[in-house]
C-alpha atoms as a PDB file:
ATOM      1  CA  MET A   1      32.381-121.403  65.338  1.00  0.00           C
ATOM      2  CA  SER A   2      32.749-121.559  61.351  1.00  0.00           C
ATOM      3  CA  GLY A   3      29.311-120.324  60.791  1.00  0.00           C
ATOM      4  CA  LYS A   4      29.919-117.252  62.647  1.00  0.00           C
ATOM      5  CA  ILE A   5      33.230-116.455  60.710  1.00  0.00           C
ATOM      6  CA  PHE A   6      31.551-117.094  57.419  1.00  0.00           C
ATOM      7  CA  THR A   7      28.714-114.712  58.659  1.00  0.00           C
ATOM      8  CA  VAL A   8      30.951-112.137  59.518  1.00  0.00           C
ATOM      9  CA  ILE A   9      32.672-112.387  56.009  1.00  0.00           C
ATOM     10  CA  ALA A  10      29.272-112.078  54.126  1.00  0.00           C
ATOM     11  CA  LEU A  11      28.439-109.221  56.291  1.00  0.00           C
ATOM     12  CA  CYS A  12      31.804-107.296  55.400  1.00  0.00           C
ATOM     13  CA  SER A  13      30.973-108.470  51.528  1.00  0.00           C
ATOM     14  CA  PHE A  14      27.614-107.048  51.604  1.00  0.00           C
ATOM     15  CA  LEU A  15      28.863-103.744  53.460  1.00  0.00           C
ATOM     16  CA  MET A  16      31.331-103.425  50.981  1.00  0.00           C
ATOM     17  CA  ALA A  17      28.630-103.641  48.143  1.00  0.00           C
ATOM     18  CA  VAL A  18      26.860-100.827  49.939  1.00  0.00           C
ATOM     19  CA  PHE A  19      30.142 -98.886  50.164  1.00  0.00           C
ATOM     20  CA  ALA A  20      30.616 -99.113  46.471  1.00  0.00           C
ATOM     21  CA  ILE A  21      27.120 -98.327  45.485  1.00  0.00           C
ATOM     22  CA  ILE A  22      27.545 -94.933  47.776  1.00  0.00           C
ATOM     23  CA  CYS A  23      30.867 -94.167  46.014  1.00  0.00           C
ATOM     24  CA  LEU A  24      29.365 -94.659  42.748  1.00  0.00           C
ATOM     25  CA  ALA A  25      26.340 -92.510  43.228  1.00  0.00           C
ATOM     26  CA  LEU A  26      28.630 -89.956  44.633  1.00  0.00           C
ATOM     27  CA  GLN A  27      30.955 -89.993  41.575  1.00  0.00           C
ATOM     28  CA  PHE A  28      28.383 -90.306  38.787  1.00  0.00           C
ATOM     29  CA  SER A  29      25.580 -88.539  39.989  1.00  0.00           C
ATOM     30  CA  GLY A  30      25.384 -86.237  37.065  1.00  0.00           C
ATOM     31  CA  SER A  31      26.176 -89.117  34.483  1.00  0.00           C
ATOM     32  CA  GLY A  32      22.875 -90.330  33.259  1.00  0.00           C
ATOM     33  CA  ALA A  33      22.020 -93.775  32.737  1.00  0.00           C
ATOM     34  CA  ILE A  34      25.462 -94.974  33.018  1.00  0.00           C
ATOM     35  CA  SER A  35      25.685 -94.233  36.565  1.00  0.00           C
ATOM     36  CA  GLY A  36      22.711 -96.361  37.290  1.00  0.00           C
ATOM     37  CA  ILE A  37      23.983 -99.046  35.277  1.00  0.00           C
ATOM     38  CA  SER A  38      27.478 -98.724  37.170  1.00  0.00           C
ATOM     39  CA  MET A  39      25.385 -99.022  40.630  1.00  0.00           C
ATOM     40  CA  GLY A  40      23.517-101.914  39.490  1.00  0.00           C
ATOM     41  CA  LEU A  41      26.456-103.847  38.331  1.00  0.00           C
ATOM     42  CA  SER A  42      28.254-103.165  41.388  1.00  0.00           C
ATOM     43  CA  ALA A  43      25.321-104.337  43.756  1.00  0.00           C
ATOM     44  CA  ILE A  44      25.143-107.528  41.475  1.00  0.00           C
ATOM     45  CA  GLY A  45      28.754-108.376  41.708  1.00  0.00           C
ATOM     46  CA  MET A  46      28.670-108.022  45.410  1.00  0.00           C
ATOM     47  CA  MET A  47      25.541-109.685  45.796  1.00  0.00           C
ATOM     48  CA  GLY A  48      27.150-112.603  43.880  1.00  0.00           C
ATOM     49  CA  ILE A  49      30.166-112.736  46.497  1.00  0.00           C
ATOM     50  CA  PHE A  50      27.173-112.642  49.430  1.00  0.00           C
ATOM     51  CA  LEU A  51      25.415-115.723  47.855  1.00  0.00           C
ATOM     52  CA  PHE A  52      28.688-117.442  47.223  1.00  0.00           C
ATOM     53  CA  LEU A  53      29.590-116.987  50.942  1.00  0.00           C
ATOM     54  CA  GLN A  54      25.949-117.735  52.235  1.00  0.00           C
ATOM     55  CA  LYS A  55      26.148-120.937  50.373  1.00  0.00           C
ATOM     56  CA  GLN A  56      29.636-121.870  51.937  1.00  0.00           C
ATOM     57  CA  LYS A  57      27.966-121.211  55.084  1.00  0.00           C
ATOM     58  CA  GLN A  58      25.274-123.677  54.508  1.00  0.00           C
ATOM     59  CA  ASN A  59      27.537-126.417  53.536  1.00  0.00           C
ATOM     60  CA  VAL A  60      29.429-125.940  56.471  1.00  0.00           C
ATOM     61  CA  VAL A  61      26.412-125.858  58.811  1.00  0.00           C
ATOM     62  CA  ALA A  62      25.374-128.876  56.949  1.00  0.00           C
ATOM     63  CA  GLU A  63      28.451-130.950  57.566  1.00  0.00           C
ATOM     64  CA  ASN A  64      28.466-129.910  61.276  1.00  0.00           C
ATOM     65  CA  GLU A  65      24.813-129.969  61.851  1.00  0.00           C
ATOM     66  CA  ASP A  66      25.218-132.145  64.999  1.00  0.00           C
ATOM     67  CA  LYS A  67      27.552-130.047  66.417  1.00  0.00           C
ATOM     68  CA  ILE A  68      26.585-126.498  65.877  1.00  0.00           C
ATOM     69  CA  THR A  69      22.945-125.018  66.937  1.00  0.00           C
ATOM     70  CA  ILE A  70      22.134-122.054  64.582  1.00  0.00           C
ATOM     71  CA  THR A  71      19.967-119.473  65.901  1.00  0.00           C
ATOM     72  CA  GLU A  72      17.406-117.188  64.146  1.00  0.00           C
ATOM     73  CA  ALA A  73      19.442-114.330  64.723  1.00  0.00           C
ATOM     74  CA  GLU A  74      22.517-116.541  63.061  1.00  0.00           C
ATOM     75  CA  LYS A  75      20.430-117.558  60.115  1.00  0.00           C
ATOM     76  CA  CYS A  76      19.735-113.895  59.250  1.00  0.00           C
ATOM     77  CA  PRO A  77      22.706-112.035  60.788  1.00  0.00           C
ATOM     78  CA  ILE A  78      21.994-108.996  58.691  1.00  0.00           C
ATOM     79  CA  PRO A  79      18.177-108.864  58.247  1.00  0.00           C
ATOM     80  CA  GLY A  80      16.936-105.981  56.177  1.00  0.00           C
ATOM     81  CA  THR A  81      20.373-105.284  54.451  1.00  0.00           C
ATOM     82  CA  LEU A  82      19.265-106.022  50.978  1.00  0.00           C
ATOM     83  CA  SER A  83      16.756-103.328  51.401  1.00  0.00           C
ATOM     84  CA  VAL A  84      19.762-100.978  51.291  1.00  0.00           C
ATOM     85  CA  VAL A  85      20.742-102.103  47.749  1.00  0.00           C
ATOM     86  CA  GLU A  86      17.008-102.015  46.926  1.00  0.00           C
ATOM     87  CA  THR A  87      16.739 -98.465  48.160  1.00  0.00           C
ATOM     88  CA  SER A  88      19.926 -97.371  46.266  1.00  0.00           C
ATOM     89  CA  LEU A  89      18.780 -99.223  43.010  1.00  0.00           C
ATOM     90  CA  SER A  90      15.422 -97.044  43.437  1.00  0.00           C
ATOM     91  CA  ALA A  91      17.317 -93.724  43.846  1.00  0.00           C
ATOM     92  CA  ALA A  92      19.387 -94.692  40.955  1.00  0.00           C
ATOM     93  CA  ASN A  93      15.876 -95.457  38.895  1.00  0.00           C
ATOM     94  CA  GLY A  94      14.520 -92.244  40.055  1.00  0.00           C
ATOM     95  CA  GLN A  95      17.388 -90.176  38.293  1.00  0.00           C
ATOM     96  CA  HIS A  96      16.620 -91.683  35.059  1.00  0.00           C
ATOM     97  CA  ASN A  97      12.550 -91.508  35.069  1.00  0.00           C
ATOM     98  CA  PRO A  98      11.551 -91.847  31.288  1.00  0.00           C
ATOM     99  CA  GLU A  99       9.346 -88.768  31.975  1.00  0.00           C
ATOM    100  CA  SER A 100      12.462 -86.538  32.150  1.00  0.00           C
ATOM    101  CA  ILE A 101      13.616 -87.628  28.821  1.00  0.00           C
ATOM    102  CA  PRO A 102      12.037 -85.128  26.097  1.00  0.00           C
ATOM    103  CA  LYS A 103       9.037 -86.267  24.471  1.00  0.00           C
ATOM    104  CA  GLU A 104      10.542 -85.822  21.195  1.00  0.00           C
ATOM    105  CA  SER A 105      13.335 -88.240  21.802  1.00  0.00           C
ATOM    106  CA  PRO A 106      13.113 -90.891  19.149  1.00  0.00           C
ATOM    107  CA  SER A 107      13.737 -93.861  21.910  1.00  0.00           C
ATOM    108  CA  SER A 108      11.259 -92.795  24.509  1.00  0.00           C
ATOM    109  CA  SER A 109       9.521 -96.143  24.173  1.00  0.00           C
ATOM    110  CA  GLU A 110      12.806 -97.972  24.614  1.00  0.00           C
ATOM    111  CA  LEU A 111      13.621 -96.089  27.725  1.00  0.00           C
ATOM    112  CA  LEU A 112      10.232 -96.671  29.233  1.00  0.00           C
ATOM    113  CA  GLU A 113      11.100-100.607  28.522  1.00  0.00           C
ATOM    114  CA  TYR A 114      14.241 -99.726  30.395  1.00  0.00           C
ATOM    115  CA  LYS A 115      12.581 -98.385  33.358  1.00  0.00           C
ATOM    116  CA  LEU A 116      10.215-101.548  33.397  1.00  0.00           C
ATOM    117  CA  LYS A 117      13.109-103.767  33.388  1.00  0.00           C
ATOM    118  CA  PHE A 118      14.928-101.599  36.228  1.00  0.00           C
ATOM    119  CA  ARG A 119      11.479-102.132  38.322  1.00  0.00           C
ATOM    120  CA  LYS A 120      11.817-105.994  37.752  1.00  0.00           C
ATOM    121  CA  MET A 121      15.070-106.099  38.835  1.00  0.00           C
ATOM    122  CA  GLN A 122      14.356-104.252  42.168  1.00  0.00           C
ATOM    123  CA  THR A 123      11.257-106.744  42.651  1.00  0.00           C
ATOM    124  CA  ALA A 124      14.328-109.747  42.007  1.00  0.00           C
ATOM    125  CA  LEU A 125      16.280-107.930  44.766  1.00  0.00           C
ATOM    126  CA  GLY A 126      13.294-107.588  47.089  1.00  0.00           C
ATOM    127  CA  LYS A 127      12.491-111.114  46.859  1.00  0.00           C
ATOM    128  CA  LEU A 128      15.894-112.115  47.545  1.00  0.00           C
ATOM    129  CA  GLY A 129      15.938-110.025  50.361  1.00  0.00           C
ATOM    130  CA  GLU A 130      12.838-111.591  51.910  1.00  0.00           C
ATOM    131  CA  MET A 131      14.167-114.954  51.183  1.00  0.00           C
ATOM    132  CA  PHE A 132      17.410-114.266  52.758  1.00  0.00           C
ATOM    133  CA  SER A 133      15.433-112.921  55.806  1.00  0.00           C
ATOM    134  CA  LEU A 134      13.109-116.159  56.018  1.00  0.00           C
ATOM    135  CA  GLY A 135      16.037-118.236  55.457  1.00  0.00           C
ATOM    136  CA  GLU A 136      14.593-119.738  52.412  1.00  0.00           C
ATOM    137  CA  ILE A 137      16.994-119.097  49.767  1.00  0.00           C
ATOM    138  CA  ASN A 138      18.557-122.284  47.943  1.00  0.00           C
ATOM    139  CA  PRO A 139      21.109-122.339  45.255  1.00  0.00           C
ATOM    140  CA  GLU A 140      18.564-122.897  42.362  1.00  0.00           C
ATOM    141  CA  THR A 141      16.416-120.041  42.995  1.00  0.00           C
ATOM    142  CA  ALA A 142      19.595-117.599  43.684  1.00  0.00           C
ATOM    143  CA  ARG A 143      20.840-118.845  40.419  1.00  0.00           C
ATOM    144  CA  GLN A 144      17.312-117.806  38.821  1.00  0.00           C
ATOM    145  CA  GLU A 145      17.099-114.691  40.386  1.00  0.00           C
ATOM    146  CA  ALA A 146      20.749-113.776  39.454  1.00  0.00           C
ATOM    147  CA  ASP A 147      20.220-114.858  35.699  1.00  0.00           C
ATOM    148  CA  ALA A 148      16.956-112.630  35.731  1.00  0.00           C
ATOM    149  CA  LEU A 149      19.016-109.551  36.940  1.00  0.00           C
ATOM    150  CA  ILE A 150      21.674-109.989  34.363  1.00  0.00           C
ATOM    151  CA  ARG A 151      19.540-110.268  31.628  1.00  0.00           C
ATOM    152  CA  ASN A 152      17.582-107.131  32.799  1.00  0.00           C
ATOM    153  CA  MET A 153      21.255-105.418  33.308  1.00  0.00           C
ATOM    154  CA  THR A 154      21.856-106.456  29.767  1.00  0.00           C
ATOM    155  CA  PHE A 155      18.829-105.232  28.179  1.00  0.00           C
ATOM    156  CA  ILE A 156      19.298-101.861  29.975  1.00  0.00           C
ATOM    157  CA  THR A 157      22.935-101.536  28.882  1.00  0.00           C
ATOM    158  CA  GLU A 158      22.015-102.433  24.927  1.00  0.00           C
ATOM    159  CA  SER A 159      18.853 -99.957  25.424  1.00  0.00           C
ATOM    160  CA  THR A 160      20.973 -97.150  26.612  1.00  0.00           C
ATOM    161  CA  LYS A 161      23.805 -97.570  23.939  1.00  0.00           C
ATOM    162  CA  LYS A 162      21.108 -97.700  21.132  1.00  0.00           C
ATOM    163  CA  ALA A 163      19.703 -94.441  22.755  1.00  0.00           C
ATOM    164  CA  PHE A 164      22.948 -92.922  22.453  1.00  0.00           C
ATOM    165  CA  ASP A 165      23.771 -94.295  19.136  1.00  0.00           C
ATOM    166  CA  ILE A 166      20.436 -92.493  18.113  1.00  0.00           C
ATOM    167  CA  ALA A 167      21.213 -89.214  19.879  1.00  0.00           C
ATOM    168  CA  ASP A 168      24.778 -88.891  18.221  1.00  0.00           C
ATOM    169  CA  ASN A 169      23.052 -89.647  14.612  1.00  0.00           C
ATOM    170  CA  LEU A 170      20.273 -87.207  15.420  1.00  0.00           C
ATOM    171  CA  SER A 171      22.989 -84.532  16.208  1.00  0.00           C
ATOM    172  CA  LEU A 172      24.922 -85.345  13.262  1.00  0.00           C
ATOM    173  CA  SER A 173      21.930 -84.995  10.957  1.00  0.00           C
ATOM    174  CA  ALA A 174      20.945 -81.846  12.607  1.00  0.00           C
ATOM    175  CA  LYS A 175      24.355 -80.367  12.120  1.00  0.00           C
ATOM    176  CA  ASN A 176      24.416 -81.347   8.441  1.00  0.00           C
ATOM    177  CA  ALA A 177      20.814 -79.901   7.813  1.00  0.00           C
ATOM    178  CA  PHE A 178      21.932 -76.821   9.627  1.00  0.00           C
ATOM    179  CA  MET A 179      24.828 -76.419   7.239  1.00  0.00           C
ATOM    180  CA  VAL A 180      22.645 -77.083   4.021  1.00  0.00           C
ATOM    181  CA  SER A 181      20.141 -74.287   5.698  1.00  0.00           C
ATOM    182  CA  GLU A 182      22.607 -71.915   5.787  1.00  0.00           C
ATOM    183  CA  ASN A 183      23.763 -72.253   2.145  1.00  0.00           C
ATOM    184  CA  VAL A 184      19.983 -72.256   1.251  1.00  0.00           C
ATOM    185  CA  GLN A 185      19.706 -69.061   3.237  1.00  0.00           C
ATOM    186  CA  THR A 186      22.618 -67.639   1.407  1.00  0.00           C
ATOM    187  CA  GLY A 187      21.288 -68.416  -1.786  1.00  0.00           C
ATOM    188  CA  ILE A 188      17.619 -67.084  -1.055  1.00  0.00           C
ATOM    189  CA  LYS A 189      19.541 -64.040   0.005  1.00  0.00           C
ATOM    190  CA  ALA A 190      21.232 -63.547  -3.235  1.00  0.00           C
ATOM    191  CA  VAL A 191      17.835 -64.307  -5.565  1.00  0.00           C
ATOM    192  CA  THR A 192      15.982 -61.468  -3.163  1.00  0.00           C
ATOM    193  CA  GLU A 193      18.914 -59.074  -4.052  1.00  0.00           C
ATOM    194  CA  ALA A 194      18.548 -59.730  -7.684  1.00  0.00           C
ATOM    195  CA  LEU A 195      14.772 -59.651  -7.728  1.00  0.00           C
ATOM    196  CA  LYS A 196      15.062 -56.128  -5.915  1.00  0.00           C
ATOM    197  CA  ASP A 197      17.829 -55.182  -8.829  1.00  0.00           C
ATOM    198  CA  ALA A 198      15.483 -56.420 -11.590  1.00  0.00           C
ATOM    199  CA  LEU A 199      12.468 -54.689  -9.922  1.00  0.00           C
ATOM    200  CA  ALA A 200      14.233 -51.443 -10.020  1.00  0.00           C
ATOM    201  CA  TYR A 201      15.455 -51.759 -13.657  1.00  0.00           C
ATOM    202  CA  ALA A 202      11.837 -52.911 -14.606  1.00  0.00           C
ATOM    203  CA  THR A 203      10.328 -49.635 -12.783  1.00  0.00           C
ATOM    204  CA  GLN A 204      13.116 -47.536 -14.518  1.00  0.00           C
ATOM    205  CA  LEU A 205      11.946 -48.904 -17.924  1.00  0.00           C
ATOM    206  CA  PHE A 206       8.228 -48.604 -17.207  1.00  0.00           C
ATOM    207  CA  GLU A 207       8.840 -45.003 -16.576  1.00  0.00           C
ATOM    208  CA  LYS A 208      10.889 -44.419 -19.728  1.00  0.00           C
ATOM    209  CA  SER A 209       8.400 -46.349 -21.828  1.00  0.00           C
ATOM    210  CA  GLN A 210       5.630 -44.014 -20.419  1.00  0.00           C
ATOM    211  CA  THR A 211       7.895 -40.954 -21.326  1.00  0.00           C
ATOM    212  CA  ILE A 212       8.471 -42.460 -25.074  1.00  0.00           C
ATOM    213  CA  HIS A 213       4.605 -42.896 -25.294  1.00  0.00           C
ATOM    214  CA  GLY A 214       4.197 -39.285 -24.376  1.00  0.00           C
ATOM    215  CA  ILE A 215       6.440 -38.238 -27.100  1.00  0.00           C
ATOM    216  CA  ILE A 216       4.943 -40.442 -29.511  1.00  0.00           C
ATOM    217  CA  GLU A 217       1.256 -38.989 -28.791  1.00  0.00           C
ATOM    218  CA  MET A 218       3.004 -35.653 -29.503  1.00  0.00           C
ATOM    219  CA  LEU A 219       4.644 -36.247 -32.681  1.00  0.00           C
ATOM    220  CA  SER A 220       1.292 -38.041 -33.864  1.00  0.00           C
ATOM    221  CA  ASP A 221      -0.581 -34.771 -32.969  1.00  0.00           C
ATOM    222  CA  ILE A 222       1.884 -32.499 -35.007  1.00  0.00           C
ATOM    223  CA  ALA A 223       1.443 -34.960 -38.086  1.00  0.00           C
ATOM    224  CA  SER A 224      -2.270 -34.578 -38.018  1.00  0.00           C
ATOM    225  CA  ARG A 225      -1.828 -30.814 -37.830  1.00  0.00           C
ATOM    226  CA  ILE A 226       0.734 -31.048 -40.728  1.00  0.00           C
ATOM    227  CA  ASN A 227      -2.017 -33.365 -42.506  1.00  0.00           C
ATOM    228  CA  ILE A 228      -4.646 -30.653 -42.073  1.00  0.00           C
ATOM    229  CA  LEU A 229      -2.415 -27.788 -43.205  1.00  0.00           C
ATOM    230  CA  SER A 230      -1.454 -29.651 -46.261  1.00  0.00           C
ATOM    231  CA  ILE A 231      -5.130 -30.025 -47.145  1.00  0.00           C
ATOM    232  CA  ASN A 232      -5.577 -26.187 -46.575  1.00  0.00           C
ATOM    233  CA  ALA A 233      -2.799 -25.434 -48.601  1.00  0.00           C
ATOM    234  CA  SER A 234      -3.903 -27.876 -51.427  1.00  0.00           C
ATOM    235  CA  ILE A 235      -7.396 -26.117 -51.340  1.00  0.00           C
ATOM    236  CA  VAL A 236      -5.447 -22.554 -51.425  1.00  0.00           C
ATOM    237  CA  SER A 237      -3.270 -23.554 -54.562  1.00  0.00           C
ATOM    238  CA  ALA A 238      -6.553 -24.813 -56.383  1.00  0.00           C
ATOM    239  CA  ARG A 239      -8.237 -21.552 -55.967  1.00  0.00           C
ATOM    240  CA  ALA A 240      -5.050 -19.671 -57.189  1.00  0.00           C
ATOM    241  CA  GLY A 241      -5.096 -21.529 -60.790  1.00  0.00           C
ATOM    242  CA  VAL A 242      -2.146 -22.254 -62.683  1.00  0.00           C
ATOM    243  CA  GLN A 243      -0.095 -20.122 -60.521  1.00  0.00           C
ATOM    244  CA  GLY A 244      -0.879 -22.390 -57.640  1.00  0.00           C
ATOM    245  CA  ARG A 245      -0.387 -25.639 -59.164  1.00  0.00           C
ATOM    246  CA  PRO A 246       3.558 -25.921 -57.764  1.00  0.00           C
ATOM    247  CA  PHE A 247       2.068 -25.116 -54.084  1.00  0.00           C
ATOM    248  CA  GLU A 248      -0.464 -27.768 -54.721  1.00  0.00           C
ATOM    249  CA  VAL A 249       2.034 -30.463 -55.691  1.00  0.00           C
ATOM    250  CA  VAL A 250       4.187 -29.382 -52.644  1.00  0.00           C
ATOM    251  CA  ALA A 251       0.903 -29.546 -50.297  1.00  0.00           C
ATOM    252  CA  LYS A 252       0.067 -32.986 -51.464  1.00  0.00           C
ATOM    253  CA  GLU A 253       3.665 -34.260 -50.826  1.00  0.00           C
ATOM    254  CA  ILE A 254       3.415 -32.865 -47.304  1.00  0.00           C
ATOM    255  CA  ARG A 255       0.490 -34.346 -46.644  1.00  0.00           C
ATOM    256  CA  LYS A 256       1.669 -37.621 -47.720  1.00  0.00           C
ATOM    257  CA  LEU A 257       4.444 -37.235 -45.372  1.00  0.00           C
ATOM    258  CA  ALA A 258       2.204 -36.253 -42.576  1.00  0.00           C
ATOM    259  CA  VAL A 259      -0.123 -39.390 -43.389  1.00  0.00           C
ATOM    260  CA  ALA A 260       2.737 -41.814 -43.336  1.00  0.00           C
ATOM    261  CA  THR A 261       4.507 -40.304 -40.015  1.00  0.00           C
ATOM    262  CA  ASP A 262       0.904 -40.604 -38.411  1.00  0.00           C
ATOM    263  CA  MET A 263       0.840 -44.148 -39.436  1.00  0.00           C
ATOM    264  CA  SER A 264       4.464 -44.967 -38.250  1.00  0.00           C
ATOM    265  CA  LEU A 265       3.535 -43.290 -34.986  1.00  0.00           C
ATOM    266  CA  ASN A 266       0.635 -45.296 -34.481  1.00  0.00           C
ATOM    267  CA  LYS A 267       2.527 -48.371 -34.900  1.00  0.00           C
ATOM    268  CA  ILE A 268       5.195 -47.210 -32.660  1.00  0.00           C
ATOM    269  CA  SER A 269       2.642 -46.380 -30.155  1.00  0.00           C
ATOM    270  CA  GLU A 270       0.996 -49.793 -30.174  1.00  0.00           C
ATOM    271  CA  GLN A 271       4.519 -51.407 -29.911  1.00  0.00           C
ATOM    272  CA  ILE A 272       5.170 -48.845 -26.859  1.00  0.00           C
ATOM    273  CA  SER A 273       1.805 -49.738 -25.069  1.00  0.00           C
ATOM    274  CA  THR A 274       2.572 -53.460 -25.426  1.00  0.00           C
ATOM    275  CA  ILE A 275       6.008 -52.941 -24.023  1.00  0.00           C
ATOM    276  CA  VAL A 276       4.600 -50.908 -21.030  1.00  0.00           C
ATOM    277  CA  SER A 277       1.899 -53.668 -20.648  1.00  0.00           C
ATOM    278  CA  THR A 278       4.761 -56.324 -20.422  1.00  0.00           C
ATOM    279  CA  ILE A 279       6.714 -54.437 -18.107  1.00  0.00           C
ATOM    280  CA  SER A 280       3.653 -53.936 -15.854  1.00  0.00           C
ATOM    281  CA  ASP A 281       3.335 -57.778 -15.869  1.00  0.00           C
ATOM    282  CA  VAL A 282       6.891 -58.138 -15.027  1.00  0.00           C
ATOM    283  CA  VAL A 283       6.759 -55.628 -12.172  1.00  0.00           C
ATOM    284  CA  GLU A 284       3.612 -57.505 -10.889  1.00  0.00           C
ATOM    285  CA  LYS A 285       5.493 -60.822 -10.780  1.00  0.00           C
ATOM    286  CA  ILE A 286       8.668 -59.729  -9.533  1.00  0.00           C
ATOM    287  CA  ASN A 287       6.629 -58.174  -6.749  1.00  0.00           C
ATOM    288  CA  ILE A 288       4.880 -61.738  -6.102  1.00  0.00           C
ATOM    289  CA  ALA A 289       8.135 -63.260  -6.272  1.00  0.00           C
ATOM    290  CA  ASN A 290      10.040 -60.866  -3.965  1.00  0.00           C
ATOM    291  CA  THR A 291       7.134 -61.541  -1.492  1.00  0.00           C
ATOM    292  CA  GLN A 292       7.321 -65.372  -1.682  1.00  0.00           C
ATOM    293  CA  THR A 293      11.034 -65.218  -1.205  1.00  0.00           C
ATOM    294  CA  ASP A 294      10.616 -63.315   1.885  1.00  0.00           C
ATOM    295  CA  GLN A 295       8.274 -65.973   3.249  1.00  0.00           C
ATOM    296  CA  GLU A 296      10.307 -68.795   2.412  1.00  0.00           C
ATOM    297  CA  LYS A 297      13.131 -66.732   3.910  1.00  0.00           C
ATOM    298  CA  ASP A 298      11.319 -66.480   7.296  1.00  0.00           C
ATOM    299  CA  ALA A 299      10.154 -70.344   7.169  1.00  0.00           C
ATOM    300  CA  LEU A 300      13.749 -71.053   6.494  1.00  0.00           C
ATOM    301  CA  LEU A 301      15.110 -68.801   9.580  1.00  0.00           C
ATOM    302  CA  SER A 302      12.365 -70.597  11.674  1.00  0.00           C
ATOM    303  CA  VAL A 303      13.822 -74.071  10.643  1.00  0.00           C
ATOM    304  CA  VAL A 304      17.538 -73.031  11.251  1.00  0.00           C
ATOM    305  CA  GLY A 305      16.405 -72.009  14.814  1.00  0.00           C
ATOM    306  CA  SER A 306      14.766 -75.290  15.606  1.00  0.00           C
ATOM    307  CA  LEU A 307      17.631 -77.251  14.109  1.00  0.00           C
ATOM    308  CA  GLN A 308      19.947 -75.026  16.403  1.00  0.00           C
ATOM    309  CA  GLY A 309      17.616 -76.099  19.222  1.00  0.00           C
ATOM    310  CA  ILE A 310      18.065 -79.674  18.331  1.00  0.00           C
ATOM    311  CA  THR A 311      21.999 -79.546  17.869  1.00  0.00           C
ATOM    312  CA  LEU A 312      22.345 -77.642  21.232  1.00  0.00           C
ATOM    313  CA  GLY A 313      20.137 -80.063  23.134  1.00  0.00           C
ATOM    314  CA  VAL A 314      21.346 -83.284  21.823  1.00  0.00           C
END
């Protein structure tokens, strides 16, 4: 009679375990790895109650062995019930397949090990179920299996916590990098605007230099003509004899001024040509820098987009 009472109590305990697993599955169906761990811990806790009650039953049976006849049905009053727990844990494990974790996650290998540990825990539960069904369970085996389950659950808990910490650090790093990239993007925009302004000024200076160069060429041409006129005036004054000497002196001075003016204009023209060449080089380099800045800006925008994706995905 006592054995039947313990069997009923054990059955109730096991049904409570199944009920707890179903409740946790409904409550935390969208909570990721935490829901699976909660269900596993609940199953282990209820399994401990079941093992304790089963042990008490065996003790009572041993004490009253000569008075009680135990049938096969009483040895295994709830055959196959442990498969319910195993099925529930399998469902929990299916919700957290490592293949559903993004490949770029830095803890994917650890989560794969997490799955292997979970499978080992399922195997251990399956063995317990078989041993209960066959009536071959003993306290030492139960303790070993329970220790293995506890080790697996501890590993899963620590791995999950570590994965969450890595995800939090990654999210924080992505947010910081995003803020830095925004500042860099603002700086690149300012540099781009400055380059555009410098290019506009350089272009205007180049155009004005070209205008000055044209004026110098015109003045040089005038100086050459004045020089020719002074030579002709000297020839005419020489033919005039004594009366033409004053004009010859004036013609010589005019020729000297024309020659000096032409030399000065040539020097100015050379300087202007150098300035124009330098401005041309500056304009070309500004254009190259502007193109490179645009490319860097596009690359930075691509990085910013990736960081936004990481921040939203973590």
